[in-house]
Amino acid sequence: MEIRELPSEELQTRLDEVKEELFNLRFQHATGQLENYSRLGQLRRDVARLRSIQRERELGIGNEPEPEEVERSRRRREREKEEDDADAPRRRRGLRRGRGEEAESGEAGEVDEATEESEEAAEEAEEEQ
């Protein structure tokens, strides 16, 4: 979603949510429970983006979208999401990585010759060592 398309109230709500999540991650970091350190940087940048847009609107540089524009962009995003969902191939559970397309097209029994050759070469290299 484009954050510049958000009305000011929603922008403030989003900023509050991001700041709260950042606080929680900082707390996890201090207690040694944080697993994804890159998320801290992402959230700091999100806070900066949201504050920048708010400040632009205060100064009159950026303008708040009209309610009609907000509704149009919301409908457009929903339509695009539906199209993406319809175009996305259905994946079956339990398929090994890299074999999904073969299994879906009914060629699961066939093995790619290049893959077979590379596996043989790897086995030979291991045996030589």
N, C-alpha and C. Protein backbone atom coordinates (compact mmCIF):
# COMPACT_ATOMS: atom_id res chain seq x y z
N MET A 1 0.84 -1.18 0.00
CA MET A 1 0.00 0.00 0.00
C MET A 1 0.88 1.24 0.00
N GLU A 2 0.50 2.21 -0.77
CA GLU A 2 1.24 3.47 -0.85
C GLU A 2 0.86 4.31 0.36
N ILE A 3 1.84 4.67 1.18
CA ILE A 3 1.50 5.39 2.41
C ILE A 3 1.12 6.84 2.13
N ARG A 4 1.54 7.39 1.02
CA ARG A 4 1.14 8.76 0.69
C ARG A 4 -0.34 8.87 0.35
N GLU A 5 -0.96 7.74 0.04
CA GLU A 5 -2.39 7.74 -0.29
C GLU A 5 -3.26 7.69 0.96
N LEU A 6 -2.66 7.53 2.13
CA LEU A 6 -3.43 7.41 3.37
C LEU A 6 -3.88 8.78 3.86
N PRO A 7 -5.08 8.86 4.43
CA PRO A 7 -5.51 10.11 5.08
C PRO A 7 -4.69 10.33 6.36
N SER A 8 -4.67 11.54 6.86
CA SER A 8 -3.84 11.90 8.01
C SER A 8 -4.15 11.08 9.25
N GLU A 9 -5.44 10.79 9.50
CA GLU A 9 -5.80 10.01 10.68
C GLU A 9 -5.21 8.60 10.59
N GLU A 10 -5.32 7.99 9.42
CA GLU A 10 -4.79 6.64 9.25
C GLU A 10 -3.26 6.64 9.30
N LEU A 11 -2.67 7.72 8.80
CA LEU A 11 -1.22 7.86 8.84
C LEU A 11 -0.74 7.91 10.30
N GLN A 12 -1.45 8.66 11.14
CA GLN A 12 -1.11 8.74 12.55
C GLN A 12 -1.31 7.40 13.24
N THR A 13 -2.36 6.69 12.89
CA THR A 13 -2.60 5.37 13.46
C THR A 13 -1.48 4.42 13.09
N ARG A 14 -1.08 4.44 11.82
CA ARG A 14 0.01 3.58 11.36
C ARG A 14 1.31 3.92 12.09
N LEU A 15 1.58 5.23 12.29
CA LEU A 15 2.78 5.65 13.00
C LEU A 15 2.77 5.13 14.44
N ASP A 16 1.62 5.21 15.10
CA ASP A 16 1.51 4.70 16.47
C ASP A 16 1.77 3.20 16.52
N GLU A 17 1.23 2.46 15.55
CA GLU A 17 1.44 1.00 15.52
C GLU A 17 2.91 0.65 15.31
N VAL A 18 3.55 1.36 14.39
CA VAL A 18 4.96 1.09 14.10
C VAL A 18 5.83 1.43 15.30
N LYS A 19 5.53 2.53 15.97
CA LYS A 19 6.31 2.91 17.14
C LYS A 19 6.14 1.89 18.27
N GLU A 20 4.93 1.37 18.42
CA GLU A 20 4.69 0.37 19.45
C GLU A 20 5.46 -0.93 19.13
N GLU A 21 5.43 -1.33 17.86
CA GLU A 21 6.18 -2.53 17.48
C GLU A 21 7.68 -2.33 17.68
N LEU A 22 8.17 -1.14 17.35
CA LEU A 22 9.58 -0.83 17.55
C LEU A 22 9.95 -0.89 19.03
N PHE A 23 9.08 -0.37 19.89
CA PHE A 23 9.31 -0.43 21.33
C PHE A 23 9.41 -1.89 21.80
N ASN A 24 8.47 -2.72 21.31
CA ASN A 24 8.48 -4.14 21.71
C ASN A 24 9.75 -4.84 21.23
N LEU A 25 10.20 -4.54 20.02
CA LEU A 25 11.42 -5.17 19.52
C LEU A 25 12.65 -4.70 20.29
N ARG A 26 12.67 -3.43 20.68
CA ARG A 26 13.78 -2.94 21.49
C ARG A 26 13.81 -3.64 22.84
N PHE A 27 12.64 -3.87 23.39
CA PHE A 27 12.54 -4.57 24.66
C PHE A 27 13.06 -6.00 24.51
N GLN A 28 12.65 -6.69 23.42
CA GLN A 28 13.14 -8.04 23.17
C GLN A 28 14.65 -8.05 22.99
N HIS A 29 15.16 -7.03 22.31
CA HIS A 29 16.60 -6.94 22.09
C HIS A 29 17.34 -6.81 23.42
N ALA A 30 16.80 -5.98 24.31
CA ALA A 30 17.45 -5.76 25.61
C ALA A 30 17.43 -7.03 26.46
N THR A 31 16.41 -7.85 26.30
CA THR A 31 16.31 -9.07 27.10
C THR A 31 16.94 -10.28 26.39
N GLY A 32 17.47 -10.07 25.20
CA GLY A 32 18.14 -11.14 24.47
C GLY A 32 17.20 -12.10 23.77
N GLN A 33 15.96 -11.70 23.54
CA GLN A 33 14.98 -12.58 22.91
C GLN A 33 14.75 -12.26 21.44
N LEU A 34 15.37 -11.22 20.93
CA LEU A 34 15.12 -10.80 19.55
C LEU A 34 15.80 -11.74 18.57
N GLU A 35 15.05 -12.19 17.57
CA GLU A 35 15.58 -13.11 16.57
C GLU A 35 15.89 -12.41 15.25
N ASN A 36 15.09 -11.42 14.88
CA ASN A 36 15.26 -10.76 13.59
C ASN A 36 15.71 -9.31 13.82
N TYR A 37 17.02 -9.12 13.83
CA TYR A 37 17.57 -7.79 14.11
C TYR A 37 17.31 -6.80 12.98
N SER A 38 17.16 -7.28 11.76
CA SER A 38 16.96 -6.37 10.63
C SER A 38 15.62 -5.66 10.73
N ARG A 39 14.68 -6.25 11.45
CA ARG A 39 13.36 -5.62 11.59
C ARG A 39 13.46 -4.29 12.33
N LEU A 40 14.43 -4.15 13.24
CA LEU A 40 14.62 -2.87 13.94
C LEU A 40 14.90 -1.75 12.95
N GLY A 41 15.80 -1.99 12.02
CA GLY A 41 16.12 -0.97 11.02
C GLY A 41 14.96 -0.66 10.11
N GLN A 42 14.21 -1.71 9.74
CA GLN A 42 13.05 -1.49 8.88
C GLN A 42 12.03 -0.59 9.57
N LEU A 43 11.79 -0.84 10.84
CA LEU A 43 10.80 -0.05 11.58
C LEU A 43 11.27 1.38 11.78
N ARG A 44 12.56 1.57 12.03
CA ARG A 44 13.07 2.94 12.18
C ARG A 44 12.87 3.72 10.89
N ARG A 45 13.12 3.07 9.76
CA ARG A 45 12.91 3.75 8.47
C ARG A 45 11.43 4.03 8.22
N ASP A 46 10.56 3.09 8.64
CA ASP A 46 9.12 3.31 8.49
C ASP A 46 8.67 4.52 9.31
N VAL A 47 9.18 4.63 10.53
CA VAL A 47 8.84 5.79 11.37
C VAL A 47 9.29 7.08 10.68
N ALA A 48 10.49 7.07 10.13
CA ALA A 48 11.00 8.27 9.46
C ALA A 48 10.15 8.62 8.24
N ARG A 49 9.74 7.61 7.47
CA ARG A 49 8.89 7.87 6.29
C ARG A 49 7.57 8.50 6.71
N LEU A 50 6.94 7.90 7.72
CA LEU A 50 5.63 8.40 8.16
C LEU A 50 5.74 9.82 8.71
N ARG A 51 6.77 10.09 9.50
CA ARG A 51 6.95 11.45 10.03
C ARG A 51 7.25 12.44 8.91
N SER A 52 8.00 12.01 7.91
CA SER A 52 8.31 12.90 6.79
C SER A 52 7.05 13.29 6.04
N ILE A 53 6.18 12.34 5.81
CA ILE A 53 4.93 12.63 5.10
C ILE A 53 4.05 13.55 5.94
N GLN A 54 4.00 13.31 7.25
CA GLN A 54 3.23 14.20 8.11
C GLN A 54 3.78 15.62 8.06
N ARG A 55 5.09 15.75 8.10
CA ARG A 55 5.71 17.08 8.09
C ARG A 55 5.49 17.76 6.75
N GLU A 56 5.57 17.02 5.66
CA GLU A 56 5.30 17.61 4.34
C GLU A 56 3.89 18.19 4.29
N ARG A 57 2.94 17.46 4.85
CA ARG A 57 1.56 17.94 4.85
C ARG A 57 1.40 19.17 5.73
N GLU A 58 2.13 19.22 6.87
CA GLU A 58 2.08 20.40 7.74
C GLU A 58 2.61 21.63 7.01
N LEU A 59 3.68 21.44 6.23
CA LEU A 59 4.30 22.56 5.53
C LEU A 59 3.60 22.92 4.24
N GLY A 60 2.66 22.08 3.82
CA GLY A 60 1.95 22.34 2.58
C GLY A 60 2.67 21.83 1.34
N ILE A 61 3.74 21.08 1.53
CA ILE A 61 4.49 20.53 0.41
C ILE A 61 3.72 19.35 -0.18
N GLY A 62 3.31 18.45 0.68
CA GLY A 62 2.52 17.29 0.25
C GLY A 62 1.07 17.55 0.59
N ASN A 63 0.19 17.03 -0.20
CA ASN A 63 -1.22 17.26 0.08
C ASN A 63 -1.91 15.95 0.44
N GLU A 64 -2.91 16.07 1.30
CA GLU A 64 -3.67 14.90 1.72
C GLU A 64 -4.60 14.48 0.59
N PRO A 65 -4.72 13.20 0.34
CA PRO A 65 -5.60 12.75 -0.74
C PRO A 65 -7.06 13.00 -0.40
N GLU A 66 -7.84 13.22 -1.43
CA GLU A 66 -9.28 13.41 -1.26
C GLU A 66 -9.90 12.05 -0.91
N PRO A 67 -11.04 12.06 -0.21
CA PRO A 67 -11.69 10.79 0.14
C PRO A 67 -12.00 9.91 -1.07
N GLU A 68 -12.34 10.54 -2.20
CA GLU A 68 -12.63 9.77 -3.41
C GLU A 68 -11.38 9.05 -3.91
N GLU A 69 -10.24 9.74 -3.82
CA GLU A 69 -8.98 9.13 -4.25
C GLU A 69 -8.62 7.95 -3.35
N VAL A 70 -8.85 8.10 -2.05
CA VAL A 70 -8.55 7.02 -1.11
C VAL A 70 -9.40 5.80 -1.44
N GLU A 71 -10.68 6.02 -1.70
CA GLU A 71 -11.58 4.92 -2.03
C GLU A 71 -11.20 4.25 -3.35
N ARG A 72 -10.84 5.06 -4.35
CA ARG A 72 -10.42 4.50 -5.65
C ARG A 72 -9.17 3.65 -5.51
N SER A 73 -8.19 4.15 -4.76
CA SER A 73 -6.94 3.39 -4.61
C SER A 73 -7.18 2.11 -3.80
N ARG A 74 -8.09 2.15 -2.83
CA ARG A 74 -8.42 0.95 -2.06
C ARG A 74 -9.05 -0.11 -2.96
N ARG A 75 -10.00 0.32 -3.81
CA ARG A 75 -10.64 -0.62 -4.73
C ARG A 75 -9.64 -1.18 -5.73
N ARG A 76 -8.73 -0.33 -6.21
CA ARG A 76 -7.72 -0.77 -7.17
C ARG A 76 -6.81 -1.82 -6.54
N ARG A 77 -6.37 -1.60 -5.29
CA ARG A 77 -5.52 -2.57 -4.59
C ARG A 77 -6.24 -3.90 -4.39
N GLU A 78 -7.53 -3.83 -4.02
CA GLU A 78 -8.30 -5.07 -3.84
C GLU A 78 -8.41 -5.83 -5.15
N ARG A 79 -8.67 -5.11 -6.23
CA ARG A 79 -8.79 -5.75 -7.55
C ARG A 79 -7.46 -6.39 -7.96
N GLU A 80 -6.36 -5.68 -7.75
CA GLU A 80 -5.04 -6.23 -8.09
C GLU A 80 -4.72 -7.46 -7.24
N LYS A 81 -5.11 -7.42 -5.96
CA LYS A 81 -4.86 -8.57 -5.09
C LYS A 81 -5.67 -9.78 -5.56
N GLU A 82 -6.92 -9.56 -5.95
CA GLU A 82 -7.74 -10.66 -6.46
C GLU A 82 -7.14 -11.25 -7.73
N GLU A 83 -6.65 -10.38 -8.62
CA GLU A 83 -6.04 -10.84 -9.86
C GLU A 83 -4.77 -11.64 -9.56
N ASP A 84 -3.96 -11.16 -8.62
CA ASP A 84 -2.74 -11.87 -8.24
C ASP A 84 -3.07 -13.23 -7.64
N ASP A 85 -4.09 -13.27 -6.80
CA ASP A 85 -4.49 -14.53 -6.20
C ASP A 85 -4.99 -15.51 -7.24
N ALA A 86 -5.71 -15.01 -8.25
CA ALA A 86 -6.24 -15.88 -9.29
C ALA A 86 -5.11 -16.39 -10.19
N ASP A 87 -4.08 -15.56 -10.42
CA ASP A 87 -2.97 -15.94 -11.29
C ASP A 87 -1.96 -16.84 -10.61
N ALA A 88 -1.90 -16.79 -9.29
CA ALA A 88 -0.89 -17.56 -8.56
C ALA A 88 -1.19 -19.04 -8.66
N PRO A 89 -0.19 -19.84 -9.02
CA PRO A 89 -0.42 -21.29 -9.11
C PRO A 89 -0.60 -21.88 -7.73
N ARG A 90 -1.45 -22.86 -7.65
CA ARG A 90 -1.67 -23.55 -6.38
C ARG A 90 -0.53 -24.51 -6.13
N ARG A 91 0.07 -24.46 -4.95
CA ARG A 91 1.19 -25.34 -4.62
C ARG A 91 0.67 -26.45 -3.74
N ARG A 92 1.16 -27.62 -4.00
CA ARG A 92 0.79 -28.76 -3.18
C ARG A 92 1.76 -28.87 -2.02
N ARG A 93 1.25 -29.38 -0.93
CA ARG A 93 2.11 -29.56 0.23
C ARG A 93 2.99 -30.78 0.03
N GLY A 94 4.17 -30.76 0.60
CA GLY A 94 5.04 -31.91 0.58
C GLY A 94 5.95 -32.00 -0.62
N LEU A 95 5.91 -31.03 -1.52
CA LEU A 95 6.79 -31.07 -2.67
C LEU A 95 8.17 -30.58 -2.28
N ARG A 96 9.17 -31.23 -2.83
CA ARG A 96 10.52 -30.77 -2.57
C ARG A 96 10.79 -29.52 -3.40
N ARG A 97 11.65 -28.69 -2.88
CA ARG A 97 11.98 -27.45 -3.55
C ARG A 97 12.57 -27.75 -4.93
N GLY A 98 12.12 -27.00 -5.94
CA GLY A 98 12.65 -27.17 -7.29
C GLY A 98 11.95 -28.24 -8.09
N ARG A 99 11.05 -28.98 -7.46
CA ARG A 99 10.35 -30.05 -8.16
C ARG A 99 8.87 -29.73 -8.32
N GLY A 100 8.44 -28.57 -7.87
CA GLY A 100 7.02 -28.21 -7.88
C GLY A 100 6.42 -28.17 -9.27
N GLU A 101 7.11 -27.57 -10.23
CA GLU A 101 6.57 -27.43 -11.57
C GLU A 101 6.43 -28.79 -12.24
N GLU A 102 7.41 -29.67 -12.06
CA GLU A 102 7.35 -30.99 -12.68
C GLU A 102 6.17 -31.78 -12.13
N ALA A 103 6.00 -31.73 -10.80
CA ALA A 103 4.94 -32.51 -10.18
C ALA A 103 3.56 -31.99 -10.59
N GLU A 104 3.42 -30.68 -10.71
CA GLU A 104 2.14 -30.12 -11.09
C GLU A 104 1.78 -30.44 -12.52
N SER A 105 2.77 -30.57 -13.40
CA SER A 105 2.47 -30.84 -14.80
C SER A 105 2.38 -32.33 -15.09
N GLY A 106 2.55 -33.16 -14.07
CA GLY A 106 2.41 -34.59 -14.25
C GLY A 106 3.70 -35.28 -14.67
N GLU A 107 4.82 -34.62 -14.60
CA GLU A 107 6.09 -35.19 -15.02
C GLU A 107 6.97 -35.50 -13.82
N ALA A 108 6.37 -35.88 -12.71
CA ALA A 108 7.12 -36.08 -11.47
C ALA A 108 8.11 -37.22 -11.59
N GLY A 109 7.83 -38.22 -12.42
CA GLY A 109 8.72 -39.37 -12.53
C GLY A 109 9.97 -39.09 -13.33
N GLU A 110 9.95 -38.06 -14.17
CA GLU A 110 11.09 -37.75 -15.00
C GLU A 110 12.11 -36.94 -14.23
N VAL A 111 13.38 -37.21 -14.46
CA VAL A 111 14.45 -36.48 -13.79
C VAL A 111 15.20 -35.70 -14.85
N ASP A 112 15.46 -34.46 -14.55
CA ASP A 112 16.18 -33.60 -15.48
C ASP A 112 17.60 -34.15 -15.68
N GLU A 113 18.01 -34.30 -16.93
CA GLU A 113 19.32 -34.87 -17.22
C GLU A 113 20.46 -34.02 -16.67
N ALA A 114 20.33 -32.70 -16.76
CA ALA A 114 21.38 -31.81 -16.26
C ALA A 114 21.52 -31.97 -14.75
N THR A 115 20.41 -32.11 -14.07
CA THR A 115 20.47 -32.30 -12.62
C THR A 115 21.14 -33.62 -12.28
N GLU A 116 20.78 -34.65 -13.04
CA GLU A 116 21.36 -35.97 -12.81
C GLU A 116 22.88 -35.94 -13.03
N GLU A 117 23.32 -35.26 -14.09
CA GLU A 117 24.75 -35.17 -14.39
C GLU A 117 25.49 -34.39 -13.31
N SER A 118 24.90 -33.30 -12.83
CA SER A 118 25.57 -32.50 -11.80
C SER A 118 25.66 -33.28 -10.49
N GLU A 119 24.63 -34.09 -10.19
CA GLU A 119 24.68 -34.90 -8.98
C GLU A 119 25.79 -35.96 -9.08
N GLU A 120 25.92 -36.56 -10.27
CA GLU A 120 26.98 -37.55 -10.47
C GLU A 120 28.36 -36.92 -10.34
N ALA A 121 28.53 -35.73 -10.89
CA ALA A 121 29.81 -35.03 -10.80
C ALA A 121 30.15 -34.70 -9.34
N ALA A 122 29.15 -34.30 -8.57
CA ALA A 122 29.36 -33.98 -7.17
C ALA A 122 29.77 -35.23 -6.39
N GLU A 123 29.12 -36.37 -6.71
CA GLU A 123 29.48 -37.62 -6.02
C GLU A 123 30.91 -38.03 -6.35
N GLU A 124 31.31 -37.89 -7.62
CA GLU A 124 32.66 -38.24 -8.02
C GLU A 124 33.70 -37.37 -7.32
N ALA A 125 33.38 -36.07 -7.19
CA ALA A 125 34.31 -35.16 -6.53
C ALA A 125 34.46 -35.54 -5.05
N GLU A 126 33.38 -35.97 -4.42
CA GLU A 126 33.46 -36.37 -3.02
C GLU A 126 34.32 -37.64 -2.86
N GLU A 127 34.15 -38.57 -3.82
CA GLU A 127 34.89 -39.82 -3.74
C GLU A 127 36.39 -39.59 -3.90
N GLU A 128 36.78 -38.62 -4.73
CA GLU A 128 38.19 -38.33 -4.98
C GLU A 128 38.88 -37.76 -3.76
N GLN A 129 38.13 -37.11 -2.89
CA GLN A 129 38.73 -36.47 -1.71
C GLN A 129 38.90 -37.42 -0.64
